[in-house]
Amino acid sequence: MGDVAALEAQIAFVEDTVQALDGALAAQQQHILRLERQIDRLQQQLKDQGARLDEVAADSHEPPPPHY
């Protein structure tokens, strides 16, 4: 009977560990999704800034400064 109790204790421990790992995995997945959205926003900001810089450069008709 002691073997059965030991096996039940091991199963309970494994079930608790699986639940803890499942929670950690879910939290990591949420964090990854937030980071992916942040990367998407940053990429869009870089594209927008590049487009604005291109517009400023195209609108600038000033000659380049003289070199000393």
PDB file of N, CA and C in Angstrom:
ATOM      1  N   MET A   1       0.813  -1.192   0.000  1.00  0.00           N
ATOM      2  CA  MET A   1       0.000   0.000   0.000  1.00  0.00           C
ATOM      3  C   MET A   1       0.858   1.258   0.000  1.00  0.00           C
ATOM      4  N   GLY A   2       2.059   1.153   0.568  1.00  0.00           N
ATOM      5  CA  GLY A   2       2.951   2.294   0.618  1.00  0.00           C
ATOM      6  C   GLY A   2       3.403   2.708  -0.766  1.00  0.00           C
ATOM      7  N   ASP A   3       3.555   1.738  -1.663  1.00  0.00           N
ATOM      8  CA  ASP A   3       3.954   2.056  -3.039  1.00  0.00           C
ATOM      9  C   ASP A   3       2.885   2.880  -3.743  1.00  0.00           C
ATOM     10  N   VAL A   4       1.643   2.563  -3.495  1.00  0.00           N
ATOM     11  CA  VAL A   4       0.533   3.286  -4.116  1.00  0.00           C
ATOM     12  C   VAL A   4       0.515   4.729  -3.609  1.00  0.00           C
ATOM     13  N   ALA A   5       0.721   4.915  -2.329  1.00  0.00           N
ATOM     14  CA  ALA A   5       0.730   6.255  -1.757  1.00  0.00           C
ATOM     15  C   ALA A   5       1.903   7.062  -2.327  1.00  0.00           C
ATOM     16  N   ALA A   6       3.047   6.430  -2.490  1.00  0.00           N
ATOM     17  CA  ALA A   6       4.214   7.117  -3.057  1.00  0.00           C
ATOM     18  C   ALA A   6       3.937   7.523  -4.494  1.00  0.00           C
ATOM     19  N   LEU A   7       3.312   6.629  -5.245  1.00  0.00           N
ATOM     20  CA  LEU A   7       2.971   6.953  -6.636  1.00  0.00           C
ATOM     21  C   LEU A   7       1.954   8.091  -6.696  1.00  0.00           C
ATOM     22  N   GLU A   8       0.974   8.080  -5.807  1.00  0.00           N
ATOM     23  CA  GLU A   8      -0.020   9.149  -5.775  1.00  0.00           C
ATOM     24  C   GLU A   8       0.634  10.485  -5.432  1.00  0.00           C
ATOM     25  N   ALA A   9       1.604  10.461  -4.521  1.00  0.00           N
ATOM     26  CA  ALA A   9       2.319  11.678  -4.148  1.00  0.00           C
ATOM     27  C   ALA A   9       3.132  12.197  -5.337  1.00  0.00           C
ATOM     28  N   GLN A  10       3.774  11.281  -6.044  1.00  0.00           N
ATOM     29  CA  GLN A  10       4.540  11.679  -7.229  1.00  0.00           C
ATOM     30  C   GLN A  10       3.629  12.263  -8.301  1.00  0.00           C
ATOM     31  N   ILE A  11       2.482  11.647  -8.504  1.00  0.00           N
ATOM     32  CA  ILE A  11       1.529  12.140  -9.504  1.00  0.00           C
ATOM     33  C   ILE A  11       1.040  13.530  -9.111  1.00  0.00           C
ATOM     34  N   ALA A  12       0.752  13.727  -7.850  1.00  0.00           N
ATOM     35  CA  ALA A  12       0.299  15.040  -7.390  1.00  0.00           C
ATOM     36  C   ALA A  12       1.387  16.082  -7.620  1.00  0.00           C
ATOM     37  N   PHE A  13       2.635  15.705  -7.326  1.00  0.00           N
ATOM     38  CA  PHE A  13       3.745  16.625  -7.551  1.00  0.00           C
ATOM     39  C   PHE A  13       3.893  16.954  -9.034  1.00  0.00           C
ATOM     40  N   VAL A  14       3.788  15.953  -9.887  1.00  0.00           N
ATOM     41  CA  VAL A  14       3.903  16.163 -11.333  1.00  0.00           C
ATOM     42  C   VAL A  14       2.764  17.048 -11.830  1.00  0.00           C
ATOM     43  N   GLU A  15       1.563  16.830 -11.328  1.00  0.00           N
ATOM     44  CA  GLU A  15       0.429  17.659 -11.741  1.00  0.00           C
ATOM     45  C   GLU A  15       0.637  19.112 -11.331  1.00  0.00           C
ATOM     46  N   ASP A  16       1.126  19.335 -10.116  1.00  0.00           N
ATOM     47  CA  ASP A  16       1.410  20.705  -9.666  1.00  0.00           C
ATOM     48  C   ASP A  16       2.486  21.351 -10.533  1.00  0.00           C
ATOM     49  N   THR A  17       3.510  20.592 -10.863  1.00  0.00           N
ATOM     50  CA  THR A  17       4.599  21.108 -11.696  1.00  0.00           C
ATOM     51  C   THR A  17       4.094  21.460 -13.091  1.00  0.00           C
ATOM     52  N   VAL A  18       3.254  20.613 -13.654  1.00  0.00           N
ATOM     53  CA  VAL A  18       2.695  20.872 -14.976  1.00  0.00           C
ATOM     54  C   VAL A  18       1.840  22.135 -14.945  1.00  0.00           C
ATOM     55  N   GLN A  19       1.054  22.317 -13.908  1.00  0.00           N
ATOM     56  CA  GLN A  19       0.233  23.528 -13.797  1.00  0.00           C
ATOM     57  C   GLN A  19       1.109  24.773 -13.680  1.00  0.00           C
ATOM     58  N   ALA A  20       2.180  24.685 -12.886  1.00  0.00           N
ATOM     59  CA  ALA A  20       3.082  25.828 -12.735  1.00  0.00           C
ATOM     60  C   ALA A  20       3.759  26.151 -14.063  1.00  0.00           C
ATOM     61  N   LEU A  21       4.200  25.125 -14.767  1.00  0.00           N
ATOM     62  CA  LEU A  21       4.843  25.340 -16.069  1.00  0.00           C
ATOM     63  C   LEU A  21       3.854  25.899 -17.085  1.00  0.00           C
ATOM     64  N   ASP A  22       2.618  25.436 -17.022  1.00  0.00           N
ATOM     65  CA  ASP A  22       1.592  25.948 -17.928  1.00  0.00           C
ATOM     66  C   ASP A  22       1.352  27.436 -17.678  1.00  0.00           C
ATOM     67  N   GLY A  23       1.295  27.838 -16.421  1.00  0.00           N
ATOM     68  CA  GLY A  23       1.141  29.250 -16.097  1.00  0.00           C
ATOM     69  C   GLY A  23       2.324  30.079 -16.570  1.00  0.00           C
ATOM     70  N   ALA A  24       3.522  29.566 -16.372  1.00  0.00           N
ATOM     71  CA  ALA A  24       4.711  30.277 -16.819  1.00  0.00           C
ATOM     72  C   ALA A  24       4.735  30.402 -18.338  1.00  0.00           C
ATOM     73  N   LEU A  25       4.344  29.351 -19.022  1.00  0.00           N
ATOM     74  CA  LEU A  25       4.313  29.379 -20.479  1.00  0.00           C
ATOM     75  C   LEU A  25       3.290  30.390 -20.984  1.00  0.00           C
ATOM     76  N   ALA A  26       2.139  30.437 -20.362  1.00  0.00           N
ATOM     77  CA  ALA A  26       1.110  31.401 -20.770  1.00  0.00           C
ATOM     78  C   ALA A  26       1.597  32.831 -20.545  1.00  0.00           C
ATOM     79  N   ALA A  27       2.268  33.074 -19.423  1.00  0.00           N
ATOM     80  CA  ALA A  27       2.792  34.415 -19.144  1.00  0.00           C
ATOM     81  C   ALA A  27       3.867  34.797 -20.156  1.00  0.00           C
ATOM     82  N   GLN A  28       4.732  33.864 -20.491  1.00  0.00           N
ATOM     83  CA  GLN A  28       5.769  34.137 -21.481  1.00  0.00           C
ATOM     84  C   GLN A  28       5.162  34.415 -22.849  1.00  0.00           C
ATOM     85  N   GLN A  29       4.134  33.700 -23.211  1.00  0.00           N
ATOM     86  CA  GLN A  29       3.491  33.919 -24.502  1.00  0.00           C
ATOM     87  C   GLN A  29       2.878  35.306 -24.563  1.00  0.00           C
ATOM     88  N   GLN A  30       2.249  35.737 -23.479  1.00  0.00           N
ATOM     89  CA  GLN A  30       1.678  37.083 -23.440  1.00  0.00           C
ATOM     90  C   GLN A  30       2.777  38.135 -23.555  1.00  0.00           C
ATOM     91  N   HIS A  31       3.886  37.893 -22.889  1.00  0.00           N
ATOM     92  CA  HIS A  31       5.010  38.826 -22.959  1.00  0.00           C
ATOM     93  C   HIS A  31       5.566  38.892 -24.381  1.00  0.00           C
ATOM     94  N   ILE A  32       5.681  37.754 -25.024  1.00  0.00           N
ATOM     95  CA  ILE A  32       6.165  37.705 -26.413  1.00  0.00           C
ATOM     96  C   ILE A  32       5.223  38.481 -27.325  1.00  0.00           C
ATOM     97  N   LEU A  33       3.930  38.311 -27.142  1.00  0.00           N
ATOM     98  CA  LEU A  33       2.966  39.033 -27.971  1.00  0.00           C
ATOM     99  C   LEU A  33       3.084  40.540 -27.775  1.00  0.00           C
ATOM    100  N   ARG A  34       3.264  40.977 -26.514  1.00  0.00           N
ATOM    101  CA  ARG A  34       3.449  42.414 -26.256  1.00  0.00           C
ATOM    102  C   ARG A  34       4.715  42.923 -26.936  1.00  0.00           C
ATOM    103  N   LEU A  35       5.792  42.150 -26.859  1.00  0.00           N
ATOM    104  CA  LEU A  35       7.048  42.557 -27.495  1.00  0.00           C
ATOM    105  C   LEU A  35       6.917  42.613 -29.013  1.00  0.00           C
ATOM    106  N   GLU A  36       6.194  41.666 -29.591  1.00  0.00           N
ATOM    107  CA  GLU A  36       5.984  41.680 -31.044  1.00  0.00           C
ATOM    108  C   GLU A  36       5.202  42.924 -31.464  1.00  0.00           C
ATOM    109  N   ARG A  37       4.174  43.287 -30.678  1.00  0.00           N
ATOM    110  CA  ARG A  37       3.413  44.504 -30.999  1.00  0.00           C
ATOM    111  C   ARG A  37       4.294  45.744 -30.866  1.00  0.00           C
ATOM    112  N   GLN A  38       5.148  45.742 -29.863  1.00  0.00           N
ATOM    113  CA  GLN A  38       6.046  46.882 -29.673  1.00  0.00           C
ATOM    114  C   GLN A  38       7.035  46.978 -30.832  1.00  0.00           C
ATOM    115  N   ILE A  39       7.550  45.867 -31.298  1.00  0.00           N
ATOM    116  CA  ILE A  39       8.466  45.862 -32.444  1.00  0.00           C
ATOM    117  C   ILE A  39       7.743  46.377 -33.681  1.00  0.00           C
ATOM    118  N   ASP A  40       6.500  45.949 -33.882  1.00  0.00           N
ATOM    119  CA  ASP A  40       5.730  46.432 -35.025  1.00  0.00           C
ATOM    120  C   ASP A  40       5.560  47.952 -34.976  1.00  0.00           C
ATOM    121  N   ARG A  41       5.245  48.473 -33.781  1.00  0.00           N
ATOM    122  CA  ARG A  41       5.093  49.934 -33.646  1.00  0.00           C
ATOM    123  C   ARG A  41       6.414  50.650 -33.918  1.00  0.00           C
ATOM    124  N   LEU A  42       7.500  50.115 -33.394  1.00  0.00           N
ATOM    125  CA  LEU A  42       8.799  50.750 -33.613  1.00  0.00           C
ATOM    126  C   LEU A  42       9.206  50.714 -35.088  1.00  0.00           C
ATOM    127  N   GLN A  43       8.924  49.615 -35.756  1.00  0.00           N
ATOM    128  CA  GLN A  43       9.220  49.539 -37.191  1.00  0.00           C
ATOM    129  C   GLN A  43       8.412  50.578 -37.956  1.00  0.00           C
ATOM    130  N   GLN A  44       7.157  50.747 -37.591  1.00  0.00           N
ATOM    131  CA  GLN A  44       6.325  51.738 -38.263  1.00  0.00           C
ATOM    132  C   GLN A  44       6.847  53.144 -37.993  1.00  0.00           C
ATOM    133  N   GLN A  45       7.261  53.408 -36.757  1.00  0.00           N
ATOM    134  CA  GLN A  45       7.813  54.718 -36.431  1.00  0.00           C
ATOM    135  C   GLN A  45       9.072  54.999 -37.241  1.00  0.00           C
ATOM    136  N   LEU A  46       9.924  53.988 -37.402  1.00  0.00           N
ATOM    137  CA  LEU A  46      11.141  54.171 -38.205  1.00  0.00           C
ATOM    138  C   LEU A  46      10.805  54.466 -39.660  1.00  0.00           C
ATOM    139  N   LYS A  47       9.821  53.753 -40.197  1.00  0.00           N
ATOM    140  CA  LYS A  47       9.410  54.010 -41.575  1.00  0.00           C
ATOM    141  C   LYS A  47       8.870  55.426 -41.722  1.00  0.00           C
ATOM    142  N   ASP A  48       8.044  55.844 -40.756  1.00  0.00           N
ATOM    143  CA  ASP A  48       7.471  57.192 -40.804  1.00  0.00           C
ATOM    144  C   ASP A  48       8.563  58.254 -40.718  1.00  0.00           C
ATOM    145  N   GLN A  49       9.523  58.056 -39.837  1.00  0.00           N
ATOM    146  CA  GLN A  49      10.610  59.025 -39.705  1.00  0.00           C
ATOM    147  C   GLN A  49      11.453  59.068 -40.976  1.00  0.00           C
ATOM    148  N   GLY A  50      11.696  57.915 -41.560  1.00  0.00           N
ATOM    149  CA  GLY A  50      12.453  57.878 -42.809  1.00  0.00           C
ATOM    150  C   GLY A  50      11.729  58.617 -43.915  1.00  0.00           C
ATOM    151  N   ALA A  51      10.408  58.443 -43.979  1.00  0.00           N
ATOM    152  CA  ALA A  51       9.625  59.136 -45.002  1.00  0.00           C
ATOM    153  C   ALA A  51       9.672  60.644 -44.772  1.00  0.00           C
ATOM    154  N   ARG A  52       9.582  61.061 -43.510  1.00  0.00           N
ATOM    155  CA  ARG A  52       9.655  62.495 -43.219  1.00  0.00           C
ATOM    156  C   ARG A  52      11.027  63.059 -43.572  1.00  0.00           C
ATOM    157  N   LEU A  53      12.075  62.320 -43.286  1.00  0.00           N
ATOM    158  CA  LEU A  53      13.422  62.780 -43.635  1.00  0.00           C
ATOM    159  C   LEU A  53      13.580  62.886 -45.150  1.00  0.00           C
ATOM    160  N   ASP A  54      13.013  61.933 -45.870  1.00  0.00           N
ATOM    161  CA  ASP A  54      13.066  61.996 -47.334  1.00  0.00           C
ATOM    162  C   ASP A  54      12.327  63.225 -47.844  1.00  0.00           C
ATOM    163  N   GLU A  55      11.179  63.551 -47.224  1.00  0.00           N
ATOM    164  CA  GLU A  55      10.416  64.740 -47.634  1.00  0.00           C
ATOM    165  C   GLU A  55      11.210  66.010 -47.356  1.00  0.00           C
ATOM    166  N   VAL A  56      11.841  66.079 -46.207  1.00  0.00           N
ATOM    167  CA  VAL A  56      12.616  67.261 -45.849  1.00  0.00           C
ATOM    168  C   VAL A  56      13.802  67.419 -46.804  1.00  0.00           C
ATOM    169  N   ALA A  57      14.448  66.327 -47.122  1.00  0.00           N
ATOM    170  CA  ALA A  57      15.596  66.381 -48.025  1.00  0.00           C
ATOM    171  C   ALA A  57      15.153  66.785 -49.430  1.00  0.00           C
ATOM    172  N   ALA A  58      13.998  66.314 -49.864  1.00  0.00           N
ATOM    173  CA  ALA A  58      13.508  66.644 -51.201  1.00  0.00           C
ATOM    174  C   ALA A  58      13.061  68.106 -51.269  1.00  0.00           C
ATOM    175  N   ASP A  59      12.506  68.634 -50.171  1.00  0.00           N
ATOM    176  CA  ASP A  59      12.028  70.013 -50.145  1.00  0.00           C
ATOM    177  C   ASP A  59      13.164  71.024 -49.965  1.00  0.00           C
ATOM    178  N   SER A  60      14.272  70.571 -49.528  1.00  0.00           N
ATOM    179  CA  SER A  60      15.392  71.475 -49.259  1.00  0.00           C
ATOM    180  C   SER A  60      16.102  71.815 -50.562  1.00  0.00           C
ATOM    181  N   HIS A  61      16.023  73.112 -50.956  1.00  0.00           N
ATOM    182  CA  HIS A  61      16.680  73.550 -52.186  1.00  0.00           C
ATOM    183  C   HIS A  61      17.921  74.379 -51.885  1.00  0.00           C
ATOM    184  N   GLU A  62      18.338  74.372 -50.630  1.00  0.00           N
ATOM    185  CA  GLU A  62      19.516  75.123 -50.265  1.00  0.00           C
ATOM    186  C   GLU A  62      20.759  74.408 -50.776  1.00  0.00           C
ATOM    187  N   PRO A  63      21.722  75.184 -51.249  1.00  0.00           N
ATOM    188  CA  PRO A  63      22.962  74.538 -51.673  1.00  0.00           C
ATOM    189  C   PRO A  63      23.702  74.014 -50.453  1.00  0.00           C
ATOM    190  N   PRO A  64      24.515  73.041 -50.632  1.00  0.00           N
ATOM    191  CA  PRO A  64      25.255  72.522 -49.482  1.00  0.00           C
ATOM    192  C   PRO A  64      26.227  73.589 -48.975  1.00  0.00           C
ATOM    193  N   PRO A  65      26.540  73.550 -47.684  1.00  0.00           N
ATOM    194  CA  PRO A  65      27.451  74.556 -47.134  1.00  0.00           C
ATOM    195  C   PRO A  65      28.848  74.395 -47.729  1.00  0.00           C
ATOM    196  N   PRO A  66      29.599  75.490 -47.808  1.00  0.00           N
ATOM    197  CA  PRO A  66      30.956  75.380 -48.342  1.00  0.00           C
ATOM    198  C   PRO A  66      31.843  74.595 -47.388  1.00  0.00           C
ATOM    199  N   HIS A  67      32.783  73.939 -47.961  1.00  0.00           N
ATOM    200  CA  HIS A  67      33.719  73.156 -47.149  1.00  0.00           C
ATOM    201  C   HIS A  67      34.921  74.021 -46.836  1.00  0.00           C
ATOM    202  N   TYR A  68      35.359  73.991 -45.614  1.00  0.00           N
ATOM    203  CA  TYR A  68      36.504  74.799 -45.198  1.00  0.00           C
ATOM    204  C   TYR A  68      37.745  73.957 -45.144  1.00  0.00           C
TER     205      TYR A  68
END
